[in-house]
Protein backbone atom coordinates (compact mmCIF):
# COMPACT_ATOMS: atom_id res chain seq x y z
CA MET A 1 36.31 -1.30 -77.89
CA LEU A 2 33.80 -2.02 -75.13
CA ASN A 3 34.64 1.21 -73.37
CA ARG A 4 34.15 3.14 -76.60
CA GLN A 5 30.76 1.48 -77.17
CA LEU A 6 29.66 2.40 -73.65
CA GLY A 7 30.74 5.98 -74.21
CA THR A 8 28.70 6.19 -77.40
CA LEU A 9 25.61 4.79 -75.69
CA VAL A 10 25.75 7.05 -72.67
CA LEU A 11 26.26 10.09 -74.88
CA LEU A 12 23.17 9.20 -76.88
CA MET A 13 21.16 9.03 -73.69
CA GLY A 14 22.86 12.01 -72.11
CA PHE A 15 24.32 9.82 -69.35
CA THR A 16 27.83 11.15 -69.73
CA VAL A 17 30.21 12.88 -72.11
CA SER A 18 33.89 12.81 -72.66
CA LEU A 19 33.96 15.25 -74.53
CA SER A 20 15.60 41.67 -76.10
CA GLY A 21 11.94 41.88 -74.65
CA ILE A 22 13.64 41.23 -71.35
CA GLY A 23 12.35 43.58 -68.72
CA ARG A 24 9.87 42.26 -66.20
CA SER A 25 11.15 41.16 -62.80
CA GLN A 26 11.75 37.44 -62.54
CA SER A 27 9.20 35.01 -61.19
CA HIS A 28 10.97 32.94 -58.56
CA PRO A 29 10.44 29.21 -58.00
CA PRO A 30 8.47 28.38 -54.85
CA GLN A 31 11.06 25.88 -53.63
CA SER A 32 14.84 25.85 -53.51
CA GLY A 33 15.33 22.80 -55.73
CA GLY A 34 17.97 21.18 -53.50
CA PRO A 35 20.90 20.18 -55.74
CA PHE A 36 19.21 22.06 -58.59
CA SER A 37 19.05 25.37 -56.71
CA TYR A 38 20.79 28.54 -57.88
CA ASP A 39 21.04 32.25 -57.16
CA GLU A 40 17.70 33.48 -58.47
CA LYS A 41 18.71 37.13 -58.07
CA ALA A 42 21.83 36.95 -60.23
CA PRO A 43 21.65 38.99 -63.45
CA LEU A 44 20.52 37.08 -66.53
CA ASP A 45 23.06 38.94 -68.68
CA PHE A 46 20.88 38.25 -71.71
CA ARG A 47 22.60 38.91 -75.04
CA GLU A 48 21.57 38.72 -78.69
CA ALA A 49 24.06 37.82 -81.41
CA GLY A 50 21.75 37.92 -84.43
CA VAL A 51 18.20 37.66 -85.70
CA GLU A 52 16.48 36.13 -88.71
CA THR A 53 13.04 37.33 -89.80
CA LEU A 54 10.61 34.75 -91.18
CA SER A 55 7.00 35.04 -92.25
CA ASP A 56 5.44 34.09 -88.90
CA ALA A 57 8.21 34.77 -86.41
CA THR A 58 11.70 36.04 -85.74
CA VAL A 59 14.49 33.64 -84.72
CA HIS A 60 17.01 35.18 -82.35
CA ASP A 61 20.48 33.76 -81.67
CA VAL A 62 20.84 34.52 -77.96
CA SER A 63 22.66 33.53 -74.78
CA TYR A 64 22.42 34.10 -71.05
CA ALA A 65 24.67 33.56 -68.07
CA SER A 66 24.70 30.11 -66.47
CA PRO A 67 24.65 30.17 -62.67
CA LYS A 68 27.28 27.41 -62.89
CA GLY A 69 29.62 29.43 -65.10
CA GLY A 70 29.87 30.24 -68.77
CA ARG A 71 27.02 31.11 -71.08
CA VAL A 72 23.99 29.17 -72.34
CA PRO A 73 23.56 29.44 -76.14
CA ALA A 74 19.93 29.38 -77.20
CA TYR A 75 17.48 30.22 -79.92
CA LEU A 76 14.54 32.41 -79.01
CA VAL A 77 11.57 32.25 -81.39
CA ILE A 78 9.18 35.19 -81.09
CA PRO A 79 5.83 35.21 -82.93
CA LYS A 80 4.42 38.20 -84.75
CA GLY A 81 1.98 40.28 -82.75
CA ARG A 82 1.86 41.85 -79.31
CA GLY A 83 0.89 39.00 -77.00
CA PRO A 84 0.32 37.98 -74.33
CA PHE A 85 2.00 34.81 -75.56
CA ALA A 86 2.31 31.34 -74.13
CA ALA A 87 5.89 30.05 -73.75
CA ILE A 88 7.72 26.74 -74.24
CA GLU A 89 11.26 25.72 -73.35
CA PHE A 90 12.84 22.83 -75.29
CA VAL A 91 15.83 20.63 -74.40
CA HIS A 92 17.33 18.30 -77.01
CA TRP A 93 18.47 14.67 -76.92
CA GLY A 94 22.06 13.57 -76.21
CA GLN A 95 23.28 13.72 -79.80
CA GLY A 96 21.35 16.88 -80.64
CA ASN A 97 21.64 20.55 -79.90
CA ARG A 98 19.43 23.63 -79.73
CA THR A 99 18.36 23.22 -83.37
CA GLU A 100 16.37 20.01 -82.74
CA PHE A 101 13.03 21.68 -82.04
CA LEU A 102 13.39 24.82 -84.19
CA SER A 103 10.86 23.69 -86.81
CA GLU A 104 8.38 22.72 -84.08
CA ALA A 105 8.85 26.09 -82.37
CA LEU A 106 8.02 27.85 -85.63
CA LEU A 107 4.76 25.92 -85.78
CA TYR A 108 3.85 27.01 -82.26
CA ALA A 109 4.73 30.59 -83.15
CA LYS A 110 1.75 30.59 -85.52
CA ALA A 111 -0.46 29.98 -82.48
CA GLY A 112 1.18 32.67 -80.37
CA VAL A 113 4.03 30.93 -78.51
CA VAL A 114 7.46 32.26 -77.55
CA SER A 115 9.94 29.37 -77.57
CA LEU A 116 13.42 28.97 -76.09
CA MET A 117 15.76 26.14 -77.16
CA ILE A 118 18.98 25.76 -75.18
CA ASP A 119 22.23 23.86 -75.65
CA ALA A 120 23.23 21.34 -72.98
CA PRO A 121 26.45 22.22 -71.13
CA TYR A 122 28.64 19.73 -73.04
CA ARG A 123 27.76 21.43 -76.32
CA ARG A 124 29.46 24.65 -75.20
CA PRO A 125 33.04 25.79 -75.87
CA GLU A 126 33.88 26.22 -72.19
CA TRP A 127 32.97 22.63 -71.28
CA VAL A 128 36.20 20.78 -70.53
CA ALA A 129 36.37 17.28 -72.02
CA GLY A 130 37.87 14.49 -69.97
CA PRO A 131 37.11 11.33 -68.01
CA SER A 132 33.55 11.00 -66.77
CA PHE A 133 30.96 8.32 -65.94
CA MET A 134 32.53 5.70 -63.62
CA ASP A 135 35.97 7.23 -64.09
CA ASN A 136 34.83 10.62 -62.78
CA PRO A 137 31.30 10.62 -61.30
CA GLN A 138 31.72 14.18 -60.07
CA LYS A 139 31.90 15.40 -63.66
CA ASP A 140 28.60 13.70 -64.42
CA PHE A 141 27.05 15.22 -61.31
CA GLU A 142 28.15 18.68 -62.43
CA LEU A 143 26.83 18.12 -65.94
CA TYR A 144 23.39 16.96 -64.85
CA THR A 145 22.86 19.58 -62.17
CA GLN A 146 24.03 22.33 -64.49
CA LEU A 147 21.66 21.16 -67.22
CA VAL A 148 18.64 21.37 -64.90
CA ILE A 149 19.78 24.69 -63.43
CA ASP A 150 20.37 26.16 -66.90
CA ALA A 151 16.88 25.01 -67.92
CA ARG A 152 15.39 26.67 -64.84
CA ARG A 153 17.33 29.80 -65.72
CA GLY A 154 15.81 29.53 -69.20
CA LEU A 155 12.41 29.78 -67.55
CA ASP A 156 13.66 32.98 -65.93
CA VAL A 157 14.48 34.31 -69.40
CA LEU A 158 11.02 33.51 -70.73
CA LEU A 159 9.19 34.82 -67.67
CA SER A 160 11.15 38.05 -67.64
CA ARG A 161 9.51 38.98 -70.93
CA SER A 162 6.60 41.39 -70.65
CA ASP A 163 4.80 39.63 -73.56
CA VAL A 164 4.76 36.16 -71.90
CA ASP A 165 1.77 34.91 -69.90
CA PRO A 166 3.29 33.28 -66.77
CA LYS A 167 0.25 31.01 -66.41
CA ARG A 168 0.86 29.36 -69.79
CA VAL A 169 4.38 27.93 -69.75
CA ALA A 170 5.41 24.45 -70.96
CA TYR A 171 8.54 22.34 -71.22
CA VAL A 172 9.40 19.74 -73.88
CA GLY A 173 12.39 17.40 -73.53
CA HIS A 174 13.65 14.52 -75.65
CA SER A 175 15.86 11.73 -74.24
CA LEU A 176 18.49 13.75 -72.34
CA GLY A 177 15.91 16.55 -72.06
CA ALA A 178 13.20 14.09 -71.00
CA THR A 179 15.32 12.36 -68.38
CA TRP A 180 16.24 15.61 -66.66
CA GLY A 181 12.94 17.26 -67.49
CA GLY A 182 11.43 14.99 -64.85
CA ALA A 183 13.74 16.50 -62.25
CA LEU A 184 12.90 20.02 -63.41
CA ALA A 185 9.18 19.30 -63.19
CA GLY A 186 9.61 18.18 -59.61
CA VAL A 187 11.44 21.29 -58.39
CA ASP A 188 10.01 24.13 -60.47
CA LYS A 189 6.29 24.83 -60.27
CA ARG A 190 6.25 27.61 -62.85
CA VAL A 191 5.71 25.08 -65.64
CA LYS A 192 2.08 24.19 -66.32
CA ALA A 193 2.68 21.34 -68.76
CA VAL A 194 5.65 19.04 -69.41
CA VAL A 195 6.24 16.63 -72.31
CA LEU A 196 8.86 13.93 -71.73
CA MET A 197 9.85 12.05 -74.89
CA GLY A 198 11.82 8.85 -74.32
CA GLY A 199 13.35 9.64 -70.94
CA LEU A 200 14.75 7.44 -68.18
CA PRO A 201 13.58 7.29 -64.56
CA ASN A 202 17.15 6.95 -63.30
CA ILE A 203 20.70 6.57 -64.56
CA THR A 204 22.13 4.51 -61.71
CA ASP A 205 20.39 1.13 -61.98
CA PHE A 206 22.77 -1.34 -63.65
CA SER A 207 21.10 -4.49 -62.33
CA GLY A 208 19.08 -5.35 -65.43
CA ASP A 209 19.55 -8.04 -68.06
CA ASP A 210 19.84 -5.50 -70.88
CA GLU A 211 23.11 -5.31 -72.78
CA TYR A 212 24.01 -1.89 -71.41
CA SER A 213 23.75 -2.98 -67.77
CA LYS A 214 25.66 -6.18 -68.50
CA ASP A 215 28.44 -4.22 -70.19
CA VAL A 216 28.71 -1.81 -67.26
CA ARG A 217 29.00 -4.67 -64.77
CA GLN A 218 31.63 -6.34 -66.94
CA GLN A 219 33.64 -3.18 -67.57
CA TYR A 220 33.71 -1.72 -64.06
CA LYS A 221 34.42 -3.00 -60.58
CA PRO A 222 31.57 -3.20 -58.04
CA GLU A 223 33.20 -0.49 -55.90
CA GLN A 224 33.34 1.86 -58.91
CA ILE A 225 29.65 1.32 -59.59
CA ALA A 226 28.81 1.78 -55.91
CA LYS A 227 30.69 5.09 -55.84
CA TYR A 228 28.82 6.29 -58.92
CA VAL A 229 25.45 5.30 -57.48
CA GLN A 230 26.23 6.99 -54.16
CA LEU A 231 27.00 10.33 -55.84
CA ILE A 232 24.49 10.35 -58.71
CA GLY A 233 21.64 8.39 -57.13
CA PRO A 234 20.28 11.31 -55.05
CA ILE A 235 19.57 13.31 -58.21
CA ASP A 236 17.92 10.52 -60.20
CA PRO A 237 14.83 12.01 -61.91
CA GLU A 238 12.44 9.48 -60.38
CA LYS A 239 13.18 11.01 -56.98
CA PHE A 240 11.77 14.35 -58.17
CA VAL A 241 9.12 13.64 -60.79
CA GLY A 242 6.76 12.36 -58.10
CA HIS A 243 6.55 15.92 -56.76
CA SER A 244 5.53 17.50 -60.08
CA ALA A 245 1.88 18.20 -59.17
CA PRO A 246 0.05 20.33 -60.08
CA THR A 247 2.11 20.34 -63.30
CA HIS A 248 0.52 18.20 -66.03
CA LEU A 249 2.80 15.49 -67.49
CA PHE A 250 2.71 13.80 -70.89
CA PHE A 251 5.05 10.82 -71.30
CA GLN A 252 5.84 9.73 -74.85
CA PHE A 253 7.64 6.41 -75.35
CA ALA A 254 8.78 4.49 -78.44
CA ARG A 255 7.87 0.84 -78.92
CA TRP A 256 11.21 0.09 -80.62
CA ASP A 257 13.41 2.29 -78.47
CA ARG A 258 16.90 0.76 -78.35
CA PHE A 259 17.73 2.66 -75.16
CA ILE A 260 14.50 2.73 -73.15
CA SER A 261 13.04 -0.62 -72.18
CA ALA A 262 9.32 -1.11 -71.61
CA ALA A 263 10.12 -1.71 -67.94
CA ASN A 264 11.98 1.59 -67.61
CA ALA A 265 9.18 3.42 -69.42
CA LYS A 266 6.66 2.00 -66.96
CA ARG A 267 8.92 2.81 -64.02
CA TYR A 268 9.25 6.46 -65.06
CA GLU A 269 5.52 6.86 -65.57
CA SER A 270 4.71 5.13 -62.27
CA ALA A 271 7.10 7.38 -60.34
CA ALA A 272 5.37 10.53 -61.59
CA SER A 273 2.61 12.38 -59.79
CA GLN A 274 -0.84 13.01 -61.23
CA PRO A 275 -2.13 14.46 -63.48
CA LYS A 276 -0.30 12.51 -66.17
CA VAL A 277 -0.87 10.65 -69.43
CA SER A 278 1.41 8.19 -71.19
CA LYS A 279 1.43 6.86 -74.75
CA THR A 280 3.65 4.46 -76.64
CA TYR A 281 4.21 4.93 -80.37
CA ASN A 282 5.25 2.65 -83.22
CA THR A 283 8.56 4.41 -83.68
CA SER A 284 12.19 4.44 -82.55
CA HIS A 285 14.11 6.56 -80.04
CA GLU A 286 14.32 9.37 -82.61
CA PHE A 287 10.51 9.87 -82.56
CA ASN A 288 10.41 10.49 -86.29
CA ASP A 289 6.83 9.24 -86.63
CA LEU A 290 3.90 11.53 -87.35
CA GLN A 291 1.51 10.40 -84.58
CA SER A 292 3.74 11.30 -81.61
CA TRP A 293 4.29 14.73 -83.12
CA CYS A 294 0.57 15.26 -83.73
CA ASP A 295 -0.34 14.16 -80.20
CA ARG A 296 2.30 16.42 -78.70
CA VAL A 297 1.14 19.46 -80.64
CA ASP A 298 -2.51 18.75 -79.80
CA TRP A 299 -1.81 18.21 -76.07
CA ILE A 300 0.27 21.35 -75.73
CA GLY A 301 -2.32 23.34 -77.65
CA LYS A 302 -5.00 22.33 -75.15
CA GLU A 303 -2.80 22.73 -72.06
CA LEU A 304 -1.66 26.23 -73.03
CA GLN A 305 -5.06 27.21 -74.45
CA LEU A 306 -3.51 28.23 -77.74
CA ARG A 307 -5.47 30.16 -80.29
CA SER A 308 -6.15 28.77 -83.74
CA GLY A 309 -3.07 28.41 -85.90
CA LEU A 310 -2.02 24.82 -85.33
CA GLN A 311 -3.69 23.52 -88.48
CA THR A 312 -1.45 20.66 -89.61
CA VAL A 313 -1.59 17.48 -91.65
CA CYS A 314 -2.77 15.81 -88.44
CA LYS A 315 -6.27 17.24 -88.90
């Protein structure tokens, strides 16, 4: 039962699982990205499976080739008009998928934003379920590095569009997407603004007095934990987020987050480079409150210099 509970928790946080406008040449990252590097010259192999037309935008069911194998399912939301448009990439939380930010993307479309929402690797048919976490750290390493690489490749998709302004690109991640969004911000300077909602600074510190850390220490032998830390530790987000400048960072934390302690929230924020802002909201890990949403929309609107069209109940 304990092992099952741990598996549920780490899935929620994204720790582990057991389970057309394309035309312009790509804008390449200025640095290799270390473990998050990939072949920048490989074809995107962008494909569209369907499209739905709404009043303010079109929603495209698309995919592109992952540098790590397989395909990345995504939704591409394109506003009406000719551009140039700002662009945002979204990555969901551990229990979510590419649909999490669809409604938010449609709001941004009214202000002239192209949005891309991708599925994490474990949400895809080709992902092979099996032992992970302490029982197979290499599988976790492959999952996390592929997620960041696929997100960077998503930036390639957005920036290959002739109607996207490369100087106005943002990233929004929740939980899983916020944890690894810190790593992306540190290795990819094409993103002007990054919102990290309820992320962790690292996934290898099990020394705390919280129930999760206690359960890990009880469930696994010290040598198992040491092996995991040795392999995964070098890619902990806090080792990268300090190199995010000049990217602007906005940390959003929840006061009653059952997964992110106040200490971990402070640690993540402290590890990050300037410029940055951080706010804590009277909500839970799901961020289903109105204020965090309003602040996020307002901050992105200013960072990307969006035109009028973000009139909401927040005003």
